[in-house]
PDB file of N, CA and C in Angstrom:
ATOM      1  N   UNK A   1     102.708 124.281  64.630  1.00  0.00           N
ATOM      2  CA  UNK A   1     101.478 123.465  64.686  1.00  0.00           C
ATOM      3  C   UNK A   1     101.691 121.923  64.479  1.00  0.00           C
ATOM      4  N   UNK A   2     102.499 121.622  63.720  1.00  0.00           N
ATOM      5  CA  UNK A   2     102.876 120.303  63.390  1.00  0.00           C
ATOM      6  C   UNK A   2     103.499 119.696  64.613  1.00  0.00           C
ATOM      7  N   UNK A   3     104.641 120.365  65.100  1.00  0.00           N
ATOM      8  CA  UNK A   3     105.379 120.070  66.279  1.00  0.00           C
ATOM      9  C   UNK A   3     104.413 119.830  67.352  1.00  0.00           C
ATOM     10  N   UNK A   4     103.292 120.771  67.748  1.00  0.00           N
ATOM     11  CA  UNK A   4     102.415 120.550  68.621  1.00  0.00           C
ATOM     12  C   UNK A   4     101.482 118.971  68.548  1.00  0.00           C
ATOM     13  N   UNK A   5     101.383 118.923  67.498  1.00  0.00           N
ATOM     14  CA  UNK A   5     100.369 117.837  67.197  1.00  0.00           C
ATOM     15  C   UNK A   5     101.283 116.560  67.475  1.00  0.00           C
ATOM     16  N   UNK A   6     102.765 116.452  66.946  1.00  0.00           N
ATOM     17  CA  UNK A   6     103.659 115.637  67.346  1.00  0.00           C
ATOM     18  C   UNK A   6     103.975 115.362  68.669  1.00  0.00           C
ATOM     19  N   UNK A   7     104.067 116.246  69.533  1.00  0.00           N
ATOM     20  CA  UNK A   7     104.276 116.160  70.994  1.00  0.00           C
ATOM     21  C   UNK A   7     103.088 115.470  71.282  1.00  0.00           C
ATOM     22  N   UNK A   8     101.880 115.843  71.129  1.00  0.00           N
ATOM     23  CA  UNK A   8     100.490 115.166  71.710  1.00  0.00           C
ATOM     24  C   UNK A   8     100.512 113.867  71.419  1.00  0.00           C
ATOM     25  N   UNK A   9     100.712 113.482  70.289  1.00  0.00           N
ATOM     26  CA  UNK A   9     100.795 112.093  69.870  1.00  0.00           C
ATOM     27  C   UNK A   9     101.937 111.304  70.405  1.00  0.00           C
ATOM     28  N   UNK A  10     102.921 111.669  70.752  1.00  0.00           N
ATOM     29  CA  UNK A  10     104.098 111.117  71.575  1.00  0.00           C
ATOM     30  C   UNK A  10     103.594 110.873  73.197  1.00  0.00           C
ATOM     31  N   UNK A  11     102.860 112.118  73.555  1.00  0.00           N
ATOM     32  CA  UNK A  11     102.502 111.857  74.745  1.00  0.00           C
ATOM     33  C   UNK A  11     101.245 110.809  74.913  1.00  0.00           C
ATOM     34  N   UNK A  12     100.337 110.924  74.315  1.00  0.00           N
ATOM     35  CA  UNK A  12      99.434 109.821  74.210  1.00  0.00           C
ATOM     36  C   UNK A  12      99.958 108.335  74.123  1.00  0.00           C
ATOM     37  N   UNK A  13     100.881 108.094  73.372  1.00  0.00           N
ATOM     38  CA  UNK A  13     101.899 106.892  73.134  1.00  0.00           C
ATOM     39  C   UNK A  13     102.272 106.508  74.529  1.00  0.00           C
ATOM     40  N   UNK A  14     103.102 107.647  75.260  1.00  0.00           N
ATOM     41  CA  UNK A  14     103.511 107.369  76.342  1.00  0.00           C
ATOM     42  C   UNK A  14     102.495 106.993  77.222  1.00  0.00           C
ATOM     43  N   UNK A  15     101.511 107.623  77.477  1.00  0.00           N
ATOM     44  CA  UNK A  15     100.274 107.233  78.377  1.00  0.00           C
ATOM     45  C   UNK A  15      99.768 105.895  78.111  1.00  0.00           C
ATOM     46  N   UNK A  16      99.466 105.773  77.029  1.00  0.00           N
ATOM     47  CA  UNK A  16      99.081 104.153  76.664  1.00  0.00           C
ATOM     48  C   UNK A  16     100.194 103.281  77.350  1.00  0.00           C
ATOM     49  N   UNK A  17     101.369 103.320  76.955  1.00  0.00           N
ATOM     50  CA  UNK A  17     102.667 102.575  77.638  1.00  0.00           C
ATOM     51  C   UNK A  17     102.430 102.430  79.227  1.00  0.00           C
ATOM     52  N   UNK A  18     102.171 103.739  79.683  1.00  0.00           N
ATOM     53  CA  UNK A  18     102.169 103.716  81.114  1.00  0.00           C
ATOM     54  C   UNK A  18     101.078 102.920  81.871  1.00  0.00           C
ATOM     55  N   UNK A  19      99.924 103.185  80.916  1.00  0.00           N
ATOM     56  CA  UNK A  19      98.605 102.366  81.593  1.00  0.00           C
ATOM     57  C   UNK A  19      99.033 100.709  81.356  1.00  0.00           C
ATOM     58  N   UNK A  20      99.546 100.605  80.169  1.00  0.00           N
ATOM     59  CA  UNK A  20      99.776  98.887  80.116  1.00  0.00           C
ATOM     60  C   UNK A  20     100.739  98.512  81.026  1.00  0.00           C
ATOM     61  N   UNK A  21     101.989  99.297  81.578  1.00  0.00           N
ATOM     62  CA  UNK A  21     102.934  98.894  82.713  1.00  0.00           C
ATOM     63  C   UNK A  21     102.268  98.843  83.882  1.00  0.00           C
ATOM     64  N   UNK A  22     101.299  99.808  84.095  1.00  0.00           N
ATOM     65  CA  UNK A  22     100.432  99.652  85.336  1.00  0.00           C
ATOM     66  C   UNK A  22      99.707  98.413  85.569  1.00  0.00           C
ATOM     67  N   UNK A  23      98.956  98.219  84.493  1.00  0.00           N
ATOM     68  CA  UNK A  23      98.261  96.669  84.355  1.00  0.00           C
ATOM     69  C   UNK A  23      99.133  95.620  84.854  1.00  0.00           C
ATOM     70  N   UNK A  24     100.202  95.716  84.007  1.00  0.00           N
ATOM     71  CA  UNK A  24     100.886  94.464  84.390  1.00  0.00           C
ATOM     72  C   UNK A  24     101.500  94.445  85.751  1.00  0.00           C
ATOM     73  N   UNK A  25     102.126  95.699  86.356  1.00  0.00           N
ATOM     74  CA  UNK A  25     102.475  95.654  87.496  1.00  0.00           C
ATOM     75  C   UNK A  25     101.275  95.059  88.715  1.00  0.00           C
ATOM     76  N   UNK A  26      99.873  95.677  88.218  1.00  0.00           N
ATOM     77  CA  UNK A  26      99.050  94.965  89.407  1.00  0.00           C
ATOM     78  C   UNK A  26      98.427  93.655  89.278  1.00  0.00           C
ATOM     79  N   UNK A  27      99.019  93.048  88.164  1.00  0.00           N
ATOM     80  CA  UNK A  27      99.044  91.330  87.950  1.00  0.00           C
ATOM     81  C   UNK A  27     100.052  90.503  89.030  1.00  0.00           C
ATOM     82  N   UNK A  28     101.051  91.395  88.903  1.00  0.00           N
ATOM     83  CA  UNK A  28     102.060  90.737  89.823  1.00  0.00           C
ATOM     84  C   UNK A  28     101.600  90.688  91.661  1.00  0.00           C
ATOM     85  N   UNK A  29     101.821  89.687  92.384  1.00  0.00           N
ATOM     86  CA  UNK A  29     101.483  89.584  93.570  1.00  0.00           C
ATOM     87  C   UNK A  29     102.640  89.059  94.515  1.00  0.00           C
ATOM     88  N   UNK A  30     102.682  89.575  95.795  1.00  0.00           N
ATOM     89  CA  UNK A  30     103.714  89.099  96.695  1.00  0.00           C
ATOM     90  C   UNK A  30     102.940  89.075  97.917  1.00  0.00           C
ATOM     91  N   UNK A  31     103.384  87.995  98.625  1.00  0.00           N
ATOM     92  CA  UNK A  31     103.022  87.547  99.894  1.00  0.00           C
ATOM     93  C   UNK A  31     103.992  87.331 100.956  1.00  0.00           C
ATOM     94  N   UNK A  32     104.322  88.187 101.857  1.00  0.00           N
ATOM     95  CA  UNK A  32     105.366  88.187 102.757  1.00  0.00           C
ATOM     96  C   UNK A  32     104.790  87.723 103.983  1.00  0.00           C
ATOM     97  N   UNK A  33     105.362  87.094 105.068  1.00  0.00           N
ATOM     98  CA  UNK A  33     105.228  86.575 106.357  1.00  0.00           C
ATOM     99  C   UNK A  33     106.291  86.649 107.296  1.00  0.00           C
ATOM    100  N   UNK A  34     106.124  87.333 108.253  1.00  0.00           N
ATOM    101  CA  UNK A  34     107.348  87.518 109.167  1.00  0.00           C
ATOM    102  C   UNK A  34     106.962  88.231 110.457  1.00  0.00           C
ATOM    103  N   UNK A  35     107.330  87.261 111.527  1.00  0.00           N
ATOM    104  CA  UNK A  35     107.070  87.922 112.940  1.00  0.00           C
ATOM    105  C   UNK A  35     105.566  88.326 113.251  1.00  0.00           C
ATOM    106  N   UNK A  36     104.589  87.358 112.851  1.00  0.00           N
ATOM    107  CA  UNK A  36     103.468  87.409 113.263  1.00  0.00           C
ATOM    108  C   UNK A  36     102.542  88.198 112.192  1.00  0.00           C
ATOM    109  N   UNK A  37     103.468  88.780 111.377  1.00  0.00           N
ATOM    110  CA  UNK A  37     102.594  89.763 110.289  1.00  0.00           C
ATOM    111  C   UNK A  37     102.548  88.929 108.818  1.00  0.00           C
ATOM    112  N   UNK A  38     101.391  88.904 108.069  1.00  0.00           N
ATOM    113  CA  UNK A  38     101.347  88.608 106.691  1.00  0.00           C
ATOM    114  C   UNK A  38     100.798  89.569 105.877  1.00  0.00           C
ATOM    115  N   UNK A  39     101.407  90.184 104.876  1.00  0.00           N
ATOM    116  CA  UNK A  39     101.206  91.093 103.889  1.00  0.00           C
ATOM    117  C   UNK A  39     100.910  90.424 102.748  1.00  0.00           C
ATOM    118  N   UNK A  40      99.856  90.887 101.892  1.00  0.00           N
ATOM    119  CA  UNK A  40      99.957  90.533 100.486  1.00  0.00           C
ATOM    120  C   UNK A  40      99.623  91.906  99.628  1.00  0.00           C
ATOM    121  N   UNK A  41     100.485  92.080  98.866  1.00  0.00           N
ATOM    122  CA  UNK A  41     100.733  93.278  98.018  1.00  0.00           C
ATOM    123  C   UNK A  41     100.947  93.041  96.469  1.00  0.00           C
ATOM    124  N   UNK A  42     100.047  93.964  95.743  1.00  0.00           N
ATOM    125  CA  UNK A  42     100.383  93.638  94.303  1.00  0.00           C
ATOM    126  C   UNK A  42     101.693  94.523  93.922  1.00  0.00           C
ATOM    127  N   UNK A  43     102.154  94.638  92.580  1.00  0.00           N
ATOM    128  CA  UNK A  43     103.108  95.145  91.863  1.00  0.00           C
ATOM    129  C   UNK A  43     103.006  96.818  91.791  1.00  0.00           C
ATOM    130  N   UNK A  44     101.574  96.836  92.018  1.00  0.00           N
ATOM    131  CA  UNK A  44     101.515  98.349  91.827  1.00  0.00           C
ATOM    132  C   UNK A  44     101.587  98.984  93.366  1.00  0.00           C
ATOM    133  N   UNK A  45     101.922  98.521  94.266  1.00  0.00           N
ATOM    134  CA  UNK A  45     102.135  98.758  95.553  1.00  0.00           C
ATOM    135  C   UNK A  45     100.771  98.908  96.235  1.00  0.00           C
ATOM    136  N   UNK A  46      99.717  98.353  95.924  1.00  0.00           N
ATOM    137  CA  UNK A  46      98.452  98.429  96.560  1.00  0.00           C
ATOM    138  C   UNK A  46      98.392  97.332  97.415  1.00  0.00           C
ATOM    139  N   UNK A  47      98.164  97.349  98.808  1.00  0.00           N
ATOM    140  CA  UNK A  47      97.967  96.053  99.782  1.00  0.00           C
ATOM    141  C   UNK A  47      96.705  95.782  99.728  1.00  0.00           C
ATOM    142  N   UNK A  48      96.515  94.285  99.246  1.00  0.00           N
ATOM    143  CA  UNK A  48      95.289  93.893  99.382  1.00  0.00           C
ATOM    144  C   UNK A  48      94.964  92.865 100.737  1.00  0.00           C
ATOM    145  N   UNK A  49      95.665  92.488 101.667  1.00  0.00           N
ATOM    146  CA  UNK A  49      95.654  92.237 103.009  1.00  0.00           C
ATOM    147  C   UNK A  49      96.769  92.439 103.779  1.00  0.00           C
ATOM    148  N   UNK A  50      96.282  92.676 105.123  1.00  0.00           N
ATOM    149  CA  UNK A  50      97.376  92.613 106.126  1.00  0.00           C
ATOM    150  C   UNK A  50      96.529  91.840 107.463  1.00  0.00           C
ATOM    151  N   UNK A  51      97.308  90.710 107.995  1.00  0.00           N
ATOM    152  CA  UNK A  51      97.204  90.036 109.023  1.00  0.00           C
ATOM    153  C   UNK A  51      98.173  90.193 109.865  1.00  0.00           C
ATOM    154  N   UNK A  52      97.622  90.561 111.266  1.00  0.00           N
ATOM    155  CA  UNK A  52      98.515  90.489 112.408  1.00  0.00           C
ATOM    156  C   UNK A  52      98.264  89.655 113.427  1.00  0.00           C
ATOM    157  N   UNK A  53      99.297  88.690 113.543  1.00  0.00           N
ATOM    158  CA  UNK A  53      99.052  87.821 114.760  1.00  0.00           C
ATOM    159  C   UNK A  53      97.655  86.804 114.408  1.00  0.00           C
ATOM    160  N   UNK A  54      97.569  86.536 113.263  1.00  0.00           N
ATOM    161  CA  UNK A  54      96.446  85.805 112.379  1.00  0.00           C
ATOM    162  C   UNK A  54      95.018  86.640 112.232  1.00  0.00           C
ATOM    163  N   UNK A  55      94.976  87.879 112.745  1.00  0.00           N
ATOM    164  CA  UNK A  55      94.022  88.576 112.458  1.00  0.00           C
ATOM    165  C   UNK A  55      93.984  89.722 111.573  1.00  0.00           C
ATOM    166  N   UNK A  56      92.994  89.548 110.617  1.00  0.00           N
ATOM    167  CA  UNK A  56      93.056  90.680 109.493  1.00  0.00           C
ATOM    168  C   UNK A  56      92.655  91.983 110.015  1.00  0.00           C
ATOM    169  N   UNK A  57      93.626  93.005 109.480  1.00  0.00           N
ATOM    170  CA  UNK A  57      93.310  94.389 109.898  1.00  0.00           C
ATOM    171  C   UNK A  57      93.489  95.172 108.698  1.00  0.00           C
ATOM    172  N   UNK A  58      91.861  95.621 108.835  1.00  0.00           N
ATOM    173  CA  UNK A  58      91.471  96.496 107.787  1.00  0.00           C
ATOM    174  C   UNK A  58      92.037  97.981 107.571  1.00  0.00           C
ATOM    175  N   UNK A  59      92.129  98.524 108.976  1.00  0.00           N
ATOM    176  CA  UNK A  59      92.303  99.662 109.507  1.00  0.00           C
ATOM    177  C   UNK A  59      93.932  99.822 108.944  1.00  0.00           C
ATOM    178  N   UNK A  60      95.008  99.144 109.180  1.00  0.00           N
ATOM    179  CA  UNK A  60      96.047  99.161 108.831  1.00  0.00           C
ATOM    180  C   UNK A  60      96.348  99.191 107.287  1.00  0.00           C
ATOM    181  N   UNK A  61      95.534  98.189 106.541  1.00  0.00           N
ATOM    182  CA  UNK A  61      95.473  98.113 105.141  1.00  0.00           C
ATOM    183  C   UNK A  61      95.251  99.459 104.585  1.00  0.00           C
ATOM    184  N   UNK A  62      94.102  99.889 105.117  1.00  0.00           N
ATOM    185  CA  UNK A  62      93.583 101.262 104.715  1.00  0.00           C
ATOM    186  C   UNK A  62      94.704 102.398 104.805  1.00  0.00           C
ATOM    187  N   UNK A  63      95.335 102.544 105.966  1.00  0.00           N
ATOM    188  CA  UNK A  63      96.433 103.459 106.186  1.00  0.00           C
ATOM    189  C   UNK A  63      97.450 103.545 105.284  1.00  0.00           C
ATOM    190  N   UNK A  64      98.000 102.175 105.345  1.00  0.00           N
ATOM    191  CA  UNK A  64      99.115 101.715 104.456  1.00  0.00           C
ATOM    192  C   UNK A  64      98.850 102.432 102.794  1.00  0.00           C
ATOM    193  N   UNK A  65      97.781 101.670 102.525  1.00  0.00           N
ATOM    194  CA  UNK A  65      97.469 102.300 100.812  1.00  0.00           C
ATOM    195  C   UNK A  65      97.103 103.914 100.643  1.00  0.00           C
ATOM    196  N   UNK A  66      96.653 104.296 102.046  1.00  0.00           N
ATOM    197  CA  UNK A  66      96.539 105.902 101.730  1.00  0.00           C
ATOM    198  C   UNK A  66      97.999 106.456 101.698  1.00  0.00           C
ATOM    199  N   UNK A  67      99.039 106.099 102.741  1.00  0.00           N
ATOM    200  CA  UNK A  67     100.237 106.640 102.657  1.00  0.00           C
ATOM    201  C   UNK A  67     100.958 106.265 101.191  1.00  0.00           C
ATOM    202  N   UNK A  68     100.793 105.178 100.599  1.00  0.00           N
ATOM    203  CA  UNK A  68     101.450 105.038  99.420  1.00  0.00           C
ATOM    204  C   UNK A  68     100.956 105.890  98.365  1.00  0.00           C
ATOM    205  N   UNK A  69      99.543 106.068  98.253  1.00  0.00           N
ATOM    206  CA  UNK A  69      98.822 106.876  97.356  1.00  0.00           C
ATOM    207  C   UNK A  69      99.451 108.391  97.418  1.00  0.00           C
ATOM    208  N   UNK A  70      99.547 108.981  98.810  1.00  0.00           N
ATOM    209  CA  UNK A  70      99.996 110.311  98.938  1.00  0.00           C
ATOM    210  C   UNK A  70     101.416 110.353  98.607  1.00  0.00           C
ATOM    211  N   UNK A  71     102.324 109.403  98.637  1.00  0.00           N
ATOM    212  CA  UNK A  71     103.676 109.626  98.541  1.00  0.00           C
ATOM    213  C   UNK A  71     103.776 109.426  96.774  1.00  0.00           C
ATOM    214  N   UNK A  72     103.130 108.631  96.108  1.00  0.00           N
ATOM    215  CA  UNK A  72     103.028 108.808  94.526  1.00  0.00           C
ATOM    216  C   UNK A  72     102.496 110.036  93.986  1.00  0.00           C
ATOM    217  N   UNK A  73     101.408 110.730  94.643  1.00  0.00           N
ATOM    218  CA  UNK A  73     101.144 111.972  94.567  1.00  0.00           C
ATOM    219  C   UNK A  73     102.295 112.931  94.581  1.00  0.00           C
ATOM    220  N   UNK A  74     103.137 112.913  95.666  1.00  0.00           N
ATOM    221  CA  UNK A  74     104.188 113.717  95.832  1.00  0.00           C
ATOM    222  C   UNK A  74     105.251 113.490  94.907  1.00  0.00           C
ATOM    223  N   UNK A  75     105.556 112.253  94.516  1.00  0.00           N
ATOM    224  CA  UNK A  75     106.354 112.101  93.622  1.00  0.00           C
ATOM    225  C   UNK A  75     106.028 112.542  92.183  1.00  0.00           C
ATOM    226  N   UNK A  76     104.955 112.413  91.722  1.00  0.00           N
ATOM    227  CA  UNK A  76     104.223 112.736  90.624  1.00  0.00           C
ATOM    228  C   UNK A  76     104.478 114.419  90.471  1.00  0.00           C
ATOM    229  N   UNK A  77     104.169 115.052  91.465  1.00  0.00           N
ATOM    230  CA  UNK A  77     104.248 116.450  91.631  1.00  0.00           C
ATOM    231  C   UNK A  77     105.606 117.013  91.343  1.00  0.00           C
ATOM    232  N   UNK A  78     106.537 116.174  92.097  1.00  0.00           N
ATOM    233  CA  UNK A  78     108.014 116.540  91.930  1.00  0.00           C
ATOM    234  C   UNK A  78     108.359 116.317  90.488  1.00  0.00           C
ATOM    235  N   UNK A  79     107.929 115.378  89.888  1.00  0.00           N
ATOM    236  CA  UNK A  79     108.336 114.964  88.372  1.00  0.00           C
ATOM    237  C   UNK A  79     107.908 115.753  87.355  1.00  0.00           C
ATOM    238  N   UNK A  80     106.835 116.404  87.886  1.00  0.00           N
ATOM    239  CA  UNK A  80     106.042 117.165  86.713  1.00  0.00           C
ATOM    240  C   UNK A  80     106.965 118.239  86.204  1.00  0.00           C
ATOM    241  N   UNK A  81     107.775 118.720  87.033  1.00  0.00           N
ATOM    242  CA  UNK A  81     108.764 119.669  86.572  1.00  0.00           C
ATOM    243  C   UNK A  81     109.739 118.957  85.325  1.00  0.00           C
ATOM    244  N   UNK A  82     109.994 117.751  85.581  1.00  0.00           N
ATOM    245  CA  UNK A  82     111.008 117.014  84.552  1.00  0.00           C
ATOM    246  C   UNK A  82     110.264 117.028  83.171  1.00  0.00           C
ATOM    247  N   UNK A  83     108.913 116.866  83.114  1.00  0.00           N
ATOM    248  CA  UNK A  83     108.335 116.773  81.999  1.00  0.00           C
ATOM    249  C   UNK A  83     108.030 118.147  81.254  1.00  0.00           C
ATOM    250  N   UNK A  84     108.376 119.415  81.948  1.00  0.00           N
ATOM    251  CA  UNK A  84     108.033 120.819  81.429  1.00  0.00           C
ATOM    252  C   UNK A  84     108.745 121.048  80.267  1.00  0.00           C
ATOM    253  N   UNK A  85     109.871 120.305  80.036  1.00  0.00           N
ATOM    254  CA  UNK A  85     110.806 120.616  79.006  1.00  0.00           C
ATOM    255  C   UNK A  85     110.167 119.969  77.619  1.00  0.00           C
ATOM    256  N   UNK A  86     109.022 119.104  77.894  1.00  0.00           N
ATOM    257  CA  UNK A  86     108.326 118.828  76.412  1.00  0.00           C
ATOM    258  C   UNK A  86     107.589 119.884  75.889  1.00  0.00           C
ATOM    259  N   UNK A  87     107.337 120.929  76.473  1.00  0.00           N
ATOM    260  CA  UNK A  87     106.735 122.139  75.744  1.00  0.00           C
ATOM    261  C   UNK A  87     105.055 121.950  75.718  1.00  0.00           C
ATOM    262  N   UNK A  88     104.731 121.220  76.342  1.00  0.00           N
ATOM    263  CA  UNK A  88     103.104 121.035  76.360  1.00  0.00           C
ATOM    264  C   UNK A  88     102.740 121.630  77.482  1.00  0.00           C
ATOM    265  N   UNK A  89     101.479 122.478  77.506  1.00  0.00           N
ATOM    266  CA  UNK A  89     100.943 123.332  78.645  1.00  0.00           C
ATOM    267  C   UNK A  89     100.467 122.297  79.582  1.00  0.00           C
ATOM    268  N   UNK A  90     100.355 122.586  80.761  1.00  0.00           N
ATOM    269  CA  UNK A  90      99.592 121.757  81.592  1.00  0.00           C
ATOM    270  C   UNK A  90     100.558 120.596  82.248  1.00  0.00           C
ATOM    271  N   UNK A  91     101.786 120.341  81.677  1.00  0.00           N
ATOM    272  CA  UNK A  91     102.568 119.449  82.178  1.00  0.00           C
ATOM    273  C   UNK A  91     103.556 120.083  83.014  1.00  0.00           C
TER     274      UNK A  91
END
């Protein structure tokens, strides 16, 4: 029982660290302009703005963000097996 409690405590600590890292990544911003396209993206891979030939493209931004989110879900699902060795049910 103590081992399960220690594992849960470690998992909580890891989650707090991951949340902190995610916030720090969101504070980073990159803006790239090339061949008529300007893109502004945060460090957490969320696109804030896309301009194509000087015109803002909300549709392209939404599709790009959706693709990033779906790819992150697939990566998380695949990596879930890597965390199963922690012995915590549901991971």
